[in-house]
């Protein structure tokens, strides 16, 4: 189990950090999702609940390929040039939603593992983390909803 969570950790680190050389992200998201996929696959035998997370991480390997070539953490100047409903912004919204669903499935897996090993302290940390991340996602959705009223004036 140590090796599986080690892969999941490094996979998420690859997804989180962007280091671009010219136009290519050297810590490519598809590689990160492959590491997450392989870590979840290692847990699948003992925890069948990991099946959905495995499928989603496999899909993200391919869905995230375009993110290798375009910087996701764009600065303010680059964000001003993008239309809110451009192809790239819609792609990023869909990618973020799929990533959020993957996190949900991984948290379900973690909850199952914690229950199996009966570690109440870890259970509370996981529950608090889930609640905080859910609140952050709601705040993000409210922000997106409020931005629809902003008019760009040149």
Protein backbone atom coordinates (compact mmCIF):
# COMPACT_ATOMS: atom_id res chain seq x y z
CA UNK A 1 0.00 0.00 0.00
CA UNK A 2 2.96 2.29 0.63
CA UNK A 3 4.11 2.07 -2.98
CA UNK A 4 0.57 2.70 -4.28
CA UNK A 5 0.12 5.90 -2.29
CA UNK A 6 3.65 6.94 -3.17
CA UNK A 7 2.68 6.79 -6.86
CA UNK A 8 -0.57 8.66 -6.23
CA UNK A 9 1.34 11.36 -4.34
CA UNK A 10 3.94 11.82 -7.08
CA UNK A 11 1.22 11.76 -9.71
CA UNK A 12 -0.65 14.60 -8.04
CA UNK A 13 2.61 16.51 -7.67
CA UNK A 14 3.17 16.18 -11.44
CA UNK A 15 -0.36 17.49 -12.05
CA UNK A 16 0.04 20.37 -9.60
CA UNK A 17 3.44 21.70 -10.68
CA UNK A 18 3.98 23.19 -14.11
CA UNK A 19 7.49 23.76 -15.40
CA UNK A 20 7.46 24.86 -19.03
CA UNK A 21 10.47 24.75 -21.29
CA UNK A 22 9.51 26.72 -24.38
CA UNK A 23 5.93 25.41 -24.79
CA UNK A 24 6.13 21.93 -23.23
CA UNK A 25 5.36 21.14 -19.59
CA UNK A 26 8.22 18.86 -18.52
CA UNK A 27 6.13 17.55 -15.60
CA UNK A 28 3.37 16.49 -17.96
CA UNK A 29 -0.11 15.95 -16.53
CA UNK A 30 -0.65 12.69 -18.48
CA UNK A 31 2.42 11.24 -16.74
CA UNK A 32 0.98 12.35 -13.40
CA UNK A 33 -2.36 10.74 -14.18
CA UNK A 34 -0.57 7.57 -15.26
CA UNK A 35 1.17 7.46 -11.86
CA UNK A 36 -2.19 7.98 -10.13
CA UNK A 37 -3.73 5.27 -12.33
CA UNK A 38 -0.95 2.80 -11.53
CA UNK A 39 -1.16 3.53 -7.80
CA UNK A 40 -4.92 3.02 -7.77
CA UNK A 41 -4.52 -0.18 -9.80
CA UNK A 42 -2.24 -1.54 -7.07
CA UNK A 43 -5.01 -0.95 -4.50
CA UNK A 44 -7.83 -2.39 -6.61
CA UNK A 45 -7.39 -6.01 -5.49
CA UNK A 46 -7.88 -5.19 -1.80
CA UNK A 47 -10.28 -2.27 -2.29
CA UNK A 48 -12.77 -2.77 -5.15
CA UNK A 49 -14.19 0.71 -4.49
CA UNK A 50 -11.12 2.02 -6.33
CA UNK A 51 -12.61 0.85 -9.64
CA UNK A 52 -14.25 4.21 -10.50
CA UNK A 53 -11.13 6.18 -9.58
CA UNK A 54 -9.06 3.85 -11.75
CA UNK A 55 -11.34 4.37 -14.77
CA UNK A 56 -11.36 8.14 -14.32
CA UNK A 57 -7.59 8.42 -13.86
CA UNK A 58 -7.15 6.34 -17.03
CA UNK A 59 -9.44 8.70 -18.95
CA UNK A 60 -7.53 11.72 -17.58
CA UNK A 61 -4.30 10.37 -19.05
CA UNK A 62 -5.76 11.10 -22.49
CA UNK A 63 -8.00 14.06 -21.65
CA UNK A 64 -5.06 15.98 -20.20
CA UNK A 65 -2.75 15.64 -23.23
CA UNK A 66 -3.47 19.18 -24.56
CA UNK A 67 -2.46 20.62 -21.17
CA UNK A 68 1.14 19.59 -21.88
CA UNK A 69 1.42 22.25 -24.56
CA UNK A 70 -0.49 25.17 -23.05
CA UNK A 71 0.27 26.75 -19.70
CA UNK A 72 -2.69 26.24 -17.38
CA UNK A 73 -1.64 28.63 -14.64
CA UNK A 74 -1.75 31.66 -16.90
CA UNK A 75 -0.99 35.11 -15.59
CA UNK A 76 -3.52 37.95 -15.45
CA UNK A 77 -2.41 39.37 -18.82
CA UNK A 78 -2.99 36.03 -20.53
CA UNK A 79 -6.34 35.54 -18.80
CA UNK A 80 -7.60 38.91 -20.01
CA UNK A 81 -6.99 37.83 -23.60
CA UNK A 82 -9.10 34.67 -23.27
CA UNK A 83 -12.81 34.75 -23.82
CA UNK A 84 -14.70 33.12 -20.96
CA UNK A 85 -16.39 30.69 -23.31
CA UNK A 86 -13.46 30.02 -25.59
CA UNK A 87 -12.56 26.46 -26.48
CA UNK A 88 -9.59 26.46 -24.14
CA UNK A 89 -11.54 27.83 -21.16
CA UNK A 90 -14.31 25.26 -21.69
CA UNK A 91 -11.68 22.52 -21.90
CA UNK A 92 -10.12 23.72 -18.64
CA UNK A 93 -13.53 23.81 -16.91
CA UNK A 94 -14.29 20.25 -18.01
CA UNK A 95 -10.79 19.09 -17.02
CA UNK A 96 -11.17 20.69 -13.58
CA UNK A 97 -14.58 19.06 -13.06
CA UNK A 98 -13.24 15.63 -14.01
CA UNK A 99 -10.26 16.15 -11.67
CA UNK A 100 -12.69 17.08 -8.88
CA UNK A 101 -14.66 13.89 -9.44
CA UNK A 102 -11.41 11.90 -9.33
CA UNK A 103 -10.53 13.51 -6.00
CA UNK A 104 -13.98 12.53 -4.70
CA UNK A 105 -13.44 8.90 -5.70
CA UNK A 106 -9.96 8.86 -4.17
CA UNK A 107 -11.38 10.28 -0.94
CA UNK A 108 -13.94 7.45 -0.95
CA UNK A 109 -11.05 5.02 -1.32
CA UNK A 110 -9.18 6.68 1.55
CA UNK A 111 -12.30 6.51 3.74
CA UNK A 112 -12.60 2.78 3.02
CA UNK A 113 -8.95 2.20 3.89
CA UNK A 114 -9.27 4.24 7.10
CA UNK A 115 -12.39 2.32 8.14
CA UNK A 116 -10.65 -0.98 7.45
CA UNK A 117 -7.69 0.01 9.61
CA UNK A 118 -9.87 1.78 12.22
CA UNK A 119 -7.78 4.95 12.56
CA UNK A 120 -10.28 7.49 13.98
CA UNK A 121 -7.82 10.39 13.98
CA UNK A 122 -7.12 9.96 10.29
CA UNK A 123 -10.84 9.57 9.62
CA UNK A 124 -11.53 13.02 11.11
CA UNK A 125 -8.73 14.60 9.10
CA UNK A 126 -10.14 13.09 5.90
CA UNK A 127 -13.68 14.23 6.74
CA UNK A 128 -12.55 17.79 7.50
CA UNK A 129 -10.52 17.87 4.30
CA UNK A 130 -13.51 16.71 2.26
CA UNK A 131 -15.75 19.36 3.80
CA UNK A 132 -13.21 22.14 3.25
CA UNK A 133 -12.58 21.13 -0.37
CA UNK A 134 -16.34 20.97 -0.99
CA UNK A 135 -16.75 24.50 0.42
CA UNK A 136 -13.87 25.73 -1.76
CA UNK A 137 -15.50 24.26 -4.86
CA UNK A 138 -18.81 25.95 -4.01
CA UNK A 139 -17.02 29.28 -3.57
CA UNK A 140 -15.32 28.74 -6.94
CA UNK A 141 -18.68 28.05 -8.59
CA UNK A 142 -20.14 31.20 -7.04
CA UNK A 143 -17.19 33.19 -8.37
CA UNK A 144 -17.71 31.74 -11.85
CA UNK A 145 -21.42 32.55 -11.66
CA UNK A 146 -20.75 36.14 -10.62
CA UNK A 147 -18.22 36.66 -13.44
CA UNK A 148 -20.89 36.09 -16.06
CA UNK A 149 -22.14 39.63 -15.34
CA UNK A 150 -18.78 41.29 -16.02
CA UNK A 151 -18.65 43.22 -19.29
CA UNK A 152 -15.32 43.77 -21.00
CA UNK A 153 -14.94 47.33 -22.21
CA UNK A 154 -12.13 48.22 -24.57
